[in-house]
Amino acid sequence: MSLIKIYTKKPCGYCDAAKIFCKEKGFDFKEYPLSQHEGEVRKISEDNNGWRTFPMILVGDKFIGGYTDMLELNESSKLKSLIEEAKESLQN
């Protein structure tokens, strides 16, 4: 199971950038296209104050925002901590 979930739509440069970033960092992720996961995207949006932009990124079950939010978390070293927390919760 991938720890990072990236909900995407086409075309979307930020979605592509998020996937490239994860590949370059060696992060295990799974892409969830809007066309196949509309219900999940609607739920994520509702749970996060009507978030409407793409990508929608989750680490484990925690919504972290979009591409630039992921970059900010990475720069502050919080992204790796979130990934580790998600790994630990899977093991418990």
PDB file of N, CA and C in Angstrom:
ATOM      1  N   MET A   1       0.831  -1.180   0.000  1.00  0.00           N
ATOM      2  CA  MET A   1       0.000   0.000   0.000  1.00  0.00           C
ATOM      3  C   MET A   1       0.879   1.249   0.000  1.00  0.00           C
ATOM      4  N   SER A   2       0.564   2.186  -0.862  1.00  0.00           N
ATOM      5  CA  SER A   2       1.328   3.427  -0.955  1.00  0.00           C
ATOM      6  C   SER A   2       0.935   4.371   0.168  1.00  0.00           C
ATOM      7  N   LEU A   3       1.923   5.018   0.753  1.00  0.00           N
ATOM      8  CA  LEU A   3       1.672   5.939   1.853  1.00  0.00           C
ATOM      9  C   LEU A   3       1.202   7.306   1.371  1.00  0.00           C
ATOM     10  N   ILE A   4       1.566   7.659   0.143  1.00  0.00           N
ATOM     11  CA  ILE A   4       1.159   8.943  -0.425  1.00  0.00           C
ATOM     12  C   ILE A   4       0.123   8.689  -1.504  1.00  0.00           C
ATOM     13  N   LYS A   5      -1.013   9.377  -1.392  1.00  0.00           N
ATOM     14  CA  LYS A   5      -2.079   9.282  -2.386  1.00  0.00           C
ATOM     15  C   LYS A   5      -2.182  10.636  -3.070  1.00  0.00           C
ATOM     16  N   ILE A   6      -2.123  10.611  -4.407  1.00  0.00           N
ATOM     17  CA  ILE A   6      -2.222  11.852  -5.166  1.00  0.00           C
ATOM     18  C   ILE A   6      -3.447  11.771  -6.068  1.00  0.00           C
ATOM     19  N   TYR A   7      -4.458  12.577  -5.748  1.00  0.00           N
ATOM     20  CA  TYR A   7      -5.667  12.643  -6.563  1.00  0.00           C
ATOM     21  C   TYR A   7      -5.429  13.689  -7.643  1.00  0.00           C
ATOM     22  N   THR A   8      -5.586  13.282  -8.896  1.00  0.00           N
ATOM     23  CA  THR A   8      -5.209  14.116 -10.029  1.00  0.00           C
ATOM     24  C   THR A   8      -6.364  14.311 -10.998  1.00  0.00           C
ATOM     25  N   LYS A   9      -6.197  15.308 -11.868  1.00  0.00           N
ATOM     26  CA  LYS A   9      -7.080  15.493 -13.010  1.00  0.00           C
ATOM     27  C   LYS A   9      -6.193  15.820 -14.209  1.00  0.00           C
ATOM     28  N   LYS A  10      -6.769  15.764 -15.379  1.00  0.00           N
ATOM     29  CA  LYS A  10      -6.017  16.072 -16.603  1.00  0.00           C
ATOM     30  C   LYS A  10      -6.701  17.197 -17.335  1.00  0.00           C
ATOM     31  N   PRO A  11      -5.976  18.123 -17.909  1.00  0.00           N
ATOM     32  CA  PRO A  11      -4.545  18.359 -17.713  1.00  0.00           C
ATOM     33  C   PRO A  11      -4.307  19.097 -16.401  1.00  0.00           C
ATOM     34  N   CYS A  12      -3.143  18.880 -15.818  1.00  0.00           N
ATOM     35  CA  CYS A  12      -2.813  19.541 -14.556  1.00  0.00           C
ATOM     36  C   CYS A  12      -1.299  19.514 -14.358  1.00  0.00           C
ATOM     37  N   GLY A  13      -0.680  20.651 -14.570  1.00  0.00           N
ATOM     38  CA  GLY A  13       0.764  20.744 -14.411  1.00  0.00           C
ATOM     39  C   GLY A  13       1.228  20.488 -12.989  1.00  0.00           C
ATOM     40  N   TYR A  14       0.433  20.943 -12.004  1.00  0.00           N
ATOM     41  CA  TYR A  14       0.796  20.715 -10.604  1.00  0.00           C
ATOM     42  C   TYR A  14       0.693  19.228 -10.246  1.00  0.00           C
ATOM     43  N   CYS A  15      -0.274  18.545 -10.845  1.00  0.00           N
ATOM     44  CA  CYS A  15      -0.404  17.099 -10.619  1.00  0.00           C
ATOM     45  C   CYS A  15       0.832  16.381 -11.151  1.00  0.00           C
ATOM     46  N   ASP A  16       1.232  16.754 -12.362  1.00  0.00           N
ATOM     47  CA  ASP A  16       2.428  16.146 -12.960  1.00  0.00           C
ATOM     48  C   ASP A  16       3.658  16.449 -12.119  1.00  0.00           C
ATOM     49  N   ALA A  17       3.773  17.693 -11.653  1.00  0.00           N
ATOM     50  CA  ALA A  17       4.932  18.080 -10.836  1.00  0.00           C
ATOM     51  C   ALA A  17       4.974  17.296  -9.527  1.00  0.00           C
ATOM     52  N   ALA A  18       3.816  17.056  -8.910  1.00  0.00           N
ATOM     53  CA  ALA A  18       3.769  16.295  -7.656  1.00  0.00           C
ATOM     54  C   ALA A  18       4.250  14.866  -7.873  1.00  0.00           C
ATOM     55  N   LYS A  19       3.830  14.260  -8.964  1.00  0.00           N
ATOM     56  CA  LYS A  19       4.258  12.884  -9.257  1.00  0.00           C
ATOM     57  C   LYS A  19       5.758  12.830  -9.541  1.00  0.00           C
ATOM     58  N   ILE A  20       6.265  13.799 -10.283  1.00  0.00           N
ATOM     59  CA  ILE A  20       7.700  13.853 -10.580  1.00  0.00           C
ATOM     60  C   ILE A  20       8.494  14.049  -9.292  1.00  0.00           C
ATOM     61  N   PHE A  21       8.033  14.951  -8.435  1.00  0.00           N
ATOM     62  CA  PHE A  21       8.695  15.206  -7.155  1.00  0.00           C
ATOM     63  C   PHE A  21       8.796  13.917  -6.341  1.00  0.00           C
ATOM     64  N   CYS A  22       7.694  13.188  -6.240  1.00  0.00           N
ATOM     65  CA  CYS A  22       7.695  11.945  -5.456  1.00  0.00           C
ATOM     66  C   CYS A  22       8.647  10.917  -6.061  1.00  0.00           C
ATOM     67  N   LYS A  23       8.655  10.813  -7.376  1.00  0.00           N
ATOM     68  CA  LYS A  23       9.568   9.872  -8.032  1.00  0.00           C
ATOM     69  C   LYS A  23      11.019  10.249  -7.752  1.00  0.00           C
ATOM     70  N   GLU A  24      11.331  11.542  -7.882  1.00  0.00           N
ATOM     71  CA  GLU A  24      12.707  12.002  -7.658  1.00  0.00           C
ATOM     72  C   GLU A  24      13.155  11.780  -6.215  1.00  0.00           C
ATOM     73  N   LYS A  25      12.241  11.921  -5.266  1.00  0.00           N
ATOM     74  CA  LYS A  25      12.566  11.731  -3.851  1.00  0.00           C
ATOM     75  C   LYS A  25      12.523  10.262  -3.443  1.00  0.00           C
ATOM     76  N   GLY A  26      12.032   9.406  -4.326  1.00  0.00           N
ATOM     77  CA  GLY A  26      11.934   7.989  -4.000  1.00  0.00           C
ATOM     78  C   GLY A  26      10.758   7.658  -3.090  1.00  0.00           C
ATOM     79  N   PHE A  27       9.762   8.555  -3.053  1.00  0.00           N
ATOM     80  CA  PHE A  27       8.577   8.321  -2.234  1.00  0.00           C
ATOM     81  C   PHE A  27       7.617   7.393  -2.964  1.00  0.00           C
ATOM     82  N   ASP A  28       7.112   6.422  -2.241  1.00  0.00           N
ATOM     83  CA  ASP A  28       6.121   5.507  -2.789  1.00  0.00           C
ATOM     84  C   ASP A  28       4.772   6.222  -2.811  1.00  0.00           C
ATOM     85  N   PHE A  29       4.161   6.324  -3.988  1.00  0.00           N
ATOM     86  CA  PHE A  29       2.876   7.006  -4.091  1.00  0.00           C
ATOM     87  C   PHE A  29       1.985   6.261  -5.063  1.00  0.00           C
ATOM     88  N   LYS A  30       0.705   6.579  -4.975  1.00  0.00           N
ATOM     89  CA  LYS A  30      -0.257   6.033  -5.927  1.00  0.00           C
ATOM     90  C   LYS A  30      -1.104   7.188  -6.441  1.00  0.00           C
ATOM     91  N   GLU A  31      -1.326   7.174  -7.748  1.00  0.00           N
ATOM     92  CA  GLU A  31      -2.157   8.198  -8.377  1.00  0.00           C
ATOM     93  C   GLU A  31      -3.603   7.723  -8.434  1.00  0.00           C
ATOM     94  N   TYR A  32      -4.508   8.636  -8.130  1.00  0.00           N
ATOM     95  CA  TYR A  32      -5.942   8.379  -8.188  1.00  0.00           C
ATOM     96  C   TYR A  32      -6.573   9.412  -9.118  1.00  0.00           C
ATOM     97  N   PRO A  33      -6.821   9.056 -10.385  1.00  0.00           N
ATOM     98  CA  PRO A  33      -7.404  10.013 -11.325  1.00  0.00           C
ATOM     99  C   PRO A  33      -8.843  10.388 -10.947  1.00  0.00           C
ATOM    100  N   LEU A  34      -9.171  11.657 -11.069  1.00  0.00           N
ATOM    101  CA  LEU A  34     -10.502  12.161 -10.766  1.00  0.00           C
ATOM    102  C   LEU A  34     -11.565  11.370 -11.524  1.00  0.00           C
ATOM    103  N   SER A  35     -11.296  11.045 -12.766  1.00  0.00           N
ATOM    104  CA  SER A  35     -12.282  10.352 -13.598  1.00  0.00           C
ATOM    105  C   SER A  35     -12.694   8.999 -13.025  1.00  0.00           C
ATOM    106  N   GLN A  36     -11.865   8.408 -12.185  1.00  0.00           N
ATOM    107  CA  GLN A  36     -12.160   7.096 -11.609  1.00  0.00           C
ATOM    108  C   GLN A  36     -12.469   7.156 -10.109  1.00  0.00           C
ATOM    109  N   HIS A  37     -12.295   8.334  -9.501  1.00  0.00           N
ATOM    110  CA  HIS A  37     -12.428   8.442  -8.044  1.00  0.00           C
ATOM    111  C   HIS A  37     -13.199   9.700  -7.633  1.00  0.00           C
ATOM    112  N   GLU A  38     -14.255  10.027  -8.366  1.00  0.00           N
ATOM    113  CA  GLU A  38     -15.001  11.257  -8.101  1.00  0.00           C
ATOM    114  C   GLU A  38     -15.584  11.298  -6.693  1.00  0.00           C
ATOM    115  N   GLY A  39     -16.106  10.187  -6.209  1.00  0.00           N
ATOM    116  CA  GLY A  39     -16.687  10.149  -4.866  1.00  0.00           C
ATOM    117  C   GLY A  39     -15.663  10.431  -3.784  1.00  0.00           C
ATOM    118  N   GLU A  40     -14.479   9.845  -3.922  1.00  0.00           N
ATOM    119  CA  GLU A  40     -13.418  10.072  -2.941  1.00  0.00           C
ATOM    120  C   GLU A  40     -12.978  11.536  -2.954  1.00  0.00           C
ATOM    121  N   VAL A  41     -12.856  12.099  -4.166  1.00  0.00           N
ATOM    122  CA  VAL A  41     -12.445  13.498  -4.300  1.00  0.00           C
ATOM    123  C   VAL A  41     -13.491  14.415  -3.660  1.00  0.00           C
ATOM    124  N   ARG A  42     -14.750  14.128  -3.880  1.00  0.00           N
ATOM    125  CA  ARG A  42     -15.822  14.919  -3.282  1.00  0.00           C
ATOM    126  C   ARG A  42     -15.722  14.877  -1.748  1.00  0.00           C
ATOM    127  N   LYS A  43     -15.470  13.706  -1.206  1.00  0.00           N
ATOM    128  CA  LYS A  43     -15.355  13.526   0.247  1.00  0.00           C
ATOM    129  C   LYS A  43     -14.146  14.302   0.794  1.00  0.00           C
ATOM    130  N   ILE A  44     -13.014  14.209   0.111  1.00  0.00           N
ATOM    131  CA  ILE A  44     -11.816  14.948   0.539  1.00  0.00           C
ATOM    132  C   ILE A  44     -12.111  16.437   0.540  1.00  0.00           C
ATOM    133  N   SER A  45     -12.761  16.919  -0.499  1.00  0.00           N
ATOM    134  CA  SER A  45     -13.105  18.336  -0.599  1.00  0.00           C
ATOM    135  C   SER A  45     -14.017  18.751   0.551  1.00  0.00           C
ATOM    136  N   GLU A  46     -15.047  17.969   0.806  1.00  0.00           N
ATOM    137  CA  GLU A  46     -15.981  18.280   1.888  1.00  0.00           C
ATOM    138  C   GLU A  46     -15.287  18.288   3.246  1.00  0.00           C
ATOM    139  N   ASP A  47     -14.385  17.345   3.461  1.00  0.00           N
ATOM    140  CA  ASP A  47     -13.693  17.232   4.744  1.00  0.00           C
ATOM    141  C   ASP A  47     -12.640  18.316   4.960  1.00  0.00           C
ATOM    142  N   ASN A  48     -12.297  19.043   3.907  1.00  0.00           N
ATOM    143  CA  ASN A  48     -11.212  20.025   3.993  1.00  0.00           C
ATOM    144  C   ASN A  48     -11.665  21.396   3.504  1.00  0.00           C
ATOM    145  N   ASN A  49     -12.762  21.850   4.072  1.00  0.00           N
ATOM    146  CA  ASN A  49     -13.288  23.203   3.823  1.00  0.00           C
ATOM    147  C   ASN A  49     -13.505  23.520   2.351  1.00  0.00           C
ATOM    148  N   GLY A  50     -13.953  22.542   1.589  1.00  0.00           N
ATOM    149  CA  GLY A  50     -14.270  22.774   0.185  1.00  0.00           C
ATOM    150  C   GLY A  50     -13.064  22.892  -0.721  1.00  0.00           C
ATOM    151  N   TRP A  51     -11.961  22.261  -0.346  1.00  0.00           N
ATOM    152  CA  TRP A  51     -10.746  22.284  -1.168  1.00  0.00           C
ATOM    153  C   TRP A  51     -11.125  21.898  -2.593  1.00  0.00           C
ATOM    154  N   ARG A  52     -10.711  22.704  -3.568  1.00  0.00           N
ATOM    155  CA  ARG A  52     -11.156  22.477  -4.942  1.00  0.00           C
ATOM    156  C   ARG A  52     -10.021  22.333  -5.942  1.00  0.00           C
ATOM    157  N   THR A  53      -8.799  22.568  -5.536  1.00  0.00           N
ATOM    158  CA  THR A  53      -7.702  22.523  -6.500  1.00  0.00           C
ATOM    159  C   THR A  53      -7.044  21.150  -6.517  1.00  0.00           C
ATOM    160  N   PHE A  54      -6.305  20.913  -7.586  1.00  0.00           N
ATOM    161  CA  PHE A  54      -5.593  19.655  -7.770  1.00  0.00           C
ATOM    162  C   PHE A  54      -4.115  19.937  -7.900  1.00  0.00           C
ATOM    163  N   PRO A  55      -3.318  18.966  -7.446  1.00  0.00           N
ATOM    164  CA  PRO A  55      -3.689  17.683  -6.883  1.00  0.00           C
ATOM    165  C   PRO A  55      -4.188  17.826  -5.448  1.00  0.00           C
ATOM    166  N   MET A  56      -4.852  16.783  -4.995  1.00  0.00           N
ATOM    167  CA  MET A  56      -5.219  16.636  -3.596  1.00  0.00           C
ATOM    168  C   MET A  56      -4.321  15.524  -3.071  1.00  0.00           C
ATOM    169  N   ILE A  57      -3.489  15.838  -2.085  1.00  0.00           N
ATOM    170  CA  ILE A  57      -2.470  14.888  -1.630  1.00  0.00           C
ATOM    171  C   ILE A  57      -2.723  14.492  -0.180  1.00  0.00           C
ATOM    172  N   LEU A  58      -2.659  13.195   0.048  1.00  0.00           N
ATOM    173  CA  LEU A  58      -2.783  12.656   1.396  1.00  0.00           C
ATOM    174  C   LEU A  58      -1.539  11.839   1.709  1.00  0.00           C
ATOM    175  N   VAL A  59      -1.092  11.927   2.956  1.00  0.00           N
ATOM    176  CA  VAL A  59      -0.036  11.053   3.462  1.00  0.00           C
ATOM    177  C   VAL A  59      -0.715  10.184   4.501  1.00  0.00           C
ATOM    178  N   GLY A  60      -0.781   8.903   4.225  1.00  0.00           N
ATOM    179  CA  GLY A  60      -1.614   8.032   5.043  1.00  0.00           C
ATOM    180  C   GLY A  60      -3.049   8.485   4.847  1.00  0.00           C
ATOM    181  N   ASP A  61      -3.725   8.799   5.929  1.00  0.00           N
ATOM    182  CA  ASP A  61      -5.092   9.317   5.840  1.00  0.00           C
ATOM    183  C   ASP A  61      -5.152  10.821   6.088  1.00  0.00           C
ATOM    184  N   LYS A  62      -3.984  11.467   6.204  1.00  0.00           N
ATOM    185  CA  LYS A  62      -3.932  12.896   6.516  1.00  0.00           C
ATOM    186  C   LYS A  62      -3.814  13.722   5.235  1.00  0.00           C
ATOM    187  N   PHE A  63      -4.770  14.613   5.030  1.00  0.00           N
ATOM    188  CA  PHE A  63      -4.751  15.520   3.892  1.00  0.00           C
ATOM    189  C   PHE A  63      -3.696  16.592   4.131  1.00  0.00           C
ATOM    190  N   ILE A  64      -2.764  16.753   3.174  1.00  0.00           N
ATOM    191  CA  ILE A  64      -1.720  17.762   3.353  1.00  0.00           C
ATOM    192  C   ILE A  64      -1.882  18.951   2.413  1.00  0.00           C
ATOM    193  N   GLY A  65      -2.785  18.861   1.438  1.00  0.00           N
ATOM    194  CA  GLY A  65      -2.997  19.968   0.510  1.00  0.00           C
ATOM    195  C   GLY A  65      -2.593  19.593  -0.899  1.00  0.00           C
ATOM    196  N   GLY A  66      -1.980  20.557  -1.594  1.00  0.00           N
ATOM    197  CA  GLY A  66      -1.569  20.355  -2.971  1.00  0.00           C
ATOM    198  C   GLY A  66      -0.059  20.277  -3.121  1.00  0.00           C
ATOM    199  N   TYR A  67       0.389  20.484  -4.348  1.00  0.00           N
ATOM    200  CA  TYR A  67       1.815  20.357  -4.676  1.00  0.00           C
ATOM    201  C   TYR A  67       2.675  21.329  -3.873  1.00  0.00           C
ATOM    202  N   THR A  68       2.306  22.610  -3.854  1.00  0.00           N
ATOM    203  CA  THR A  68       3.148  23.578  -3.143  1.00  0.00           C
ATOM    204  C   THR A  68       3.141  23.320  -1.634  1.00  0.00           C
ATOM    205  N   ASP A  69       2.026  22.812  -1.125  1.00  0.00           N
ATOM    206  CA  ASP A  69       1.976  22.449   0.298  1.00  0.00           C
ATOM    207  C   ASP A  69       2.942  21.296   0.583  1.00  0.00           C
ATOM    208  N   MET A  70       3.003  20.348  -0.333  1.00  0.00           N
ATOM    209  CA  MET A  70       3.918  19.226  -0.174  1.00  0.00           C
ATOM    210  C   MET A  70       5.367  19.711  -0.200  1.00  0.00           C
ATOM    211  N   LEU A  71       5.678  20.654  -1.098  1.00  0.00           N
ATOM    212  CA  LEU A  71       7.039  21.205  -1.156  1.00  0.00           C
ATOM    213  C   LEU A  71       7.401  21.914   0.151  1.00  0.00           C
ATOM    214  N   GLU A  72       6.464  22.689   0.691  1.00  0.00           N
ATOM    215  CA  GLU A  72       6.721  23.398   1.951  1.00  0.00           C
ATOM    216  C   GLU A  72       6.972  22.413   3.093  1.00  0.00           C
ATOM    217  N   LEU A  73       6.179  21.346   3.145  1.00  0.00           N
ATOM    218  CA  LEU A  73       6.395  20.327   4.177  1.00  0.00           C
ATOM    219  C   LEU A  73       7.751  19.661   4.007  1.00  0.00           C
ATOM    220  N   ASN A  74       8.148  19.438   2.770  1.00  0.00           N
ATOM    221  CA  ASN A  74       9.453  18.818   2.517  1.00  0.00           C
ATOM    222  C   ASN A  74      10.587  19.746   2.962  1.00  0.00           C
ATOM    223  N   GLU A  75      10.467  21.022   2.635  1.00  0.00           N
ATOM    224  CA  GLU A  75      11.515  21.983   2.991  1.00  0.00           C
ATOM    225  C   GLU A  75      11.667  22.133   4.507  1.00  0.00           C
ATOM    226  N   SER A  76      10.580  21.952   5.225  1.00  0.00           N
ATOM    227  CA  SER A  76      10.646  22.075   6.685  1.00  0.00           C
ATOM    228  C   SER A  76      10.889  20.722   7.360  1.00  0.00           C
ATOM    229  N   SER A  77      11.173  19.703   6.565  1.00  0.00           N
ATOM    230  CA  SER A  77      11.433  18.338   7.044  1.00  0.00           C
ATOM    231  C   SER A  77      10.222  17.668   7.689  1.00  0.00           C
ATOM    232  N   LYS A  78       9.045  18.245   7.544  1.00  0.00           N
ATOM    233  CA  LYS A  78       7.845  17.661   8.136  1.00  0.00           C
ATOM    234  C   LYS A  78       7.260  16.548   7.273  1.00  0.00           C
ATOM    235  N   LEU A  79       7.554  16.566   5.970  1.00  0.00           N
ATOM    236  CA  LEU A  79       6.988  15.550   5.086  1.00  0.00           C
ATOM    237  C   LEU A  79       7.492  14.160   5.458  1.00  0.00           C
ATOM    238  N   LYS A  80       8.785  14.036   5.679  1.00  0.00           N
ATOM    239  CA  LYS A  80       9.336  12.729   6.063  1.00  0.00           C
ATOM    240  C   LYS A  80       8.759  12.255   7.391  1.00  0.00           C
ATOM    241  N   SER A  81       8.538  13.185   8.314  1.00  0.00           N
ATOM    242  CA  SER A  81       7.930  12.816   9.600  1.00  0.00           C
ATOM    243  C   SER A  81       6.520  12.286   9.397  1.00  0.00           C
ATOM    244  N   LEU A  82       5.758  12.938   8.535  1.00  0.00           N
ATOM    245  CA  LEU A  82       4.398  12.475   8.248  1.00  0.00           C
ATOM    246  C   LEU A  82       4.408  11.092   7.605  1.00  0.00           C
ATOM    247  N   ILE A  83       5.367  10.867   6.727  1.00  0.00           N
ATOM    248  CA  ILE A  83       5.489   9.558   6.077  1.00  0.00           C
ATOM    249  C   ILE A  83       5.830   8.493   7.114  1.00  0.00           C
ATOM    250  N   GLU A  84       6.740   8.813   8.021  1.00  0.00           N
ATOM    251  CA  GLU A  84       7.107   7.860   9.073  1.00  0.00           C
ATOM    252  C   GLU A  84       5.914   7.563   9.983  1.00  0.00           C
ATOM    253  N   GLU A  85       5.163   8.593  10.332  1.00  0.00           N
ATOM    254  CA  GLU A  85       3.962   8.400  11.154  1.00  0.00           C
ATOM    255  C   GLU A  85       2.967   7.493  10.447  1.00  0.00           C
ATOM    256  N   ALA A  86       2.789   7.680   9.144  1.00  0.00           N
ATOM    257  CA  ALA A  86       1.855   6.851   8.379  1.00  0.00           C
ATOM    258  C   ALA A  86       2.329   5.400   8.341  1.00  0.00           C
ATOM    259  N   LYS A  87       3.658   5.211   8.216  1.00  0.00           N
ATOM    260  CA  LYS A  87       4.206   3.839   8.233  1.00  0.00           C
ATOM    261  C   LYS A  87       3.929   3.171   9.562  1.00  0.00           C
ATOM    262  N   GLU A  88       4.158   3.908  10.645  1.00  0.00           N
ATOM    263  CA  GLU A  88       3.937   3.353  11.982  1.00  0.00           C
ATOM    264  C   GLU A  88       2.472   2.987  12.204  1.00  0.00           C
ATOM    265  N   SER A  89       1.576   3.831  11.744  1.00  0.00           N
ATOM    266  CA  SER A  89       0.150   3.539  11.959  1.00  0.00           C
ATOM    267  C   SER A  89      -0.298   2.322  11.151  1.00  0.00           C
ATOM    268  N   LEU A  90       0.339   2.075  10.027  1.00  0.00           N
ATOM    269  CA  LEU A  90       0.027   0.875   9.237  1.00  0.00           C
ATOM    270  C   LEU A  90       0.495  -0.391   9.951  1.00  0.00           C
ATOM    271  N   GLN A  91       1.601  -0.281  10.661  1.00  0.00           N
ATOM    272  CA  GLN A  91       2.156  -1.443  11.335  1.00  0.00           C
ATOM    273  C   GLN A  91       1.398  -1.788  12.604  1.00  0.00           C
ATOM    274  N   ASN A  92       0.673  -0.830  13.163  1.00  0.00           N
ATOM    275  CA  ASN A  92      -0.074  -1.078  14.414  1.00  0.00           C
ATOM    276  C   ASN A  92      -1.444  -1.622  14.162  1.00  0.00           C
TER     277      ASN A  92
END
